[in-house]
Amino acid sequence: MTKFLHQLWSDESGQDIAEYAVMLAVILVIVVGTIRLIGSNANTVFSQVGSSIQ
């Protein structure tokens, strides 16, 4: 059991997964924020165009 725990503790391959997960989370926050910003601006533009057409 101690050999397994020592091997698990010294295994560094899990760090790569954690780094990728953090990087993915940051990218998702940026993408979602951009989409929300563009979405609200696009909604305003479409509303103005629709009002001017009527």
Protein backbone atom coordinates (compact mmCIF):
# COMPACT_ATOMS: atom_id res chain seq x y z
CA MET A 1 0.00 0.00 0.00
CA THR A 2 2.78 2.45 0.84
CA LYS A 3 4.53 1.61 -2.43
CA PHE A 4 1.32 2.43 -4.34
CA LEU A 5 0.88 5.75 -2.47
CA HIS A 6 4.52 6.68 -3.09
CA GLN A 7 4.13 5.87 -6.78
CA LEU A 8 0.91 7.89 -6.94
CA TRP A 9 2.53 10.82 -5.14
CA SER A 10 5.58 10.86 -7.44
CA ASP A 11 3.53 10.48 -10.64
CA GLU A 12 3.54 13.85 -12.41
CA SER A 13 1.30 12.97 -15.35
CA GLY A 14 -1.77 14.23 -13.47
CA GLN A 15 -0.33 17.73 -13.36
CA ASP A 16 -0.67 18.01 -17.12
CA ILE A 17 -4.37 17.20 -16.86
CA ALA A 18 -4.86 19.83 -14.18
CA GLU A 19 -3.04 22.44 -16.26
CA TYR A 20 -5.17 21.63 -19.29
CA ALA A 21 -8.32 21.84 -17.18
CA VAL A 22 -7.37 25.29 -15.87
CA MET A 23 -6.48 26.47 -19.37
CA LEU A 24 -9.79 25.14 -20.72
CA ALA A 25 -11.71 26.88 -17.93
CA VAL A 26 -10.04 30.22 -18.71
CA ILE A 27 -10.76 29.86 -22.42
CA LEU A 28 -14.40 28.99 -21.71
CA VAL A 29 -14.81 32.04 -19.48
CA ILE A 30 -13.41 34.27 -22.21
CA VAL A 31 -15.58 32.70 -24.91
CA VAL A 32 -18.77 32.86 -22.84
CA GLY A 33 -18.07 36.48 -21.87
CA THR A 34 -17.47 37.44 -25.49
CA ILE A 35 -20.61 35.68 -26.68
CA ARG A 36 -22.72 37.38 -23.99
CA LEU A 37 -21.28 40.78 -24.92
CA ILE A 38 -21.78 40.28 -28.64
CA GLY A 39 -25.20 38.71 -28.06
CA SER A 40 -26.57 41.70 -26.18
CA ASN A 41 -25.15 44.13 -28.73
CA ALA A 42 -26.51 42.05 -31.61
CA ASN A 43 -29.94 41.96 -29.97
CA THR A 44 -29.92 45.76 -29.75
CA VAL A 45 -28.90 46.12 -33.39
CA PHE A 46 -31.55 43.67 -34.60
CA SER A 47 -34.19 45.46 -32.54
CA GLN A 48 -33.22 48.82 -34.04
CA VAL A 49 -33.26 47.40 -37.57
CA GLY A 50 -36.64 45.80 -36.96
CA SER A 51 -38.06 49.05 -35.62
CA SER A 52 -36.75 51.05 -38.57
CA ILE A 53 -38.20 48.57 -41.09
CA GLN A 54 -41.69 48.85 -39.59
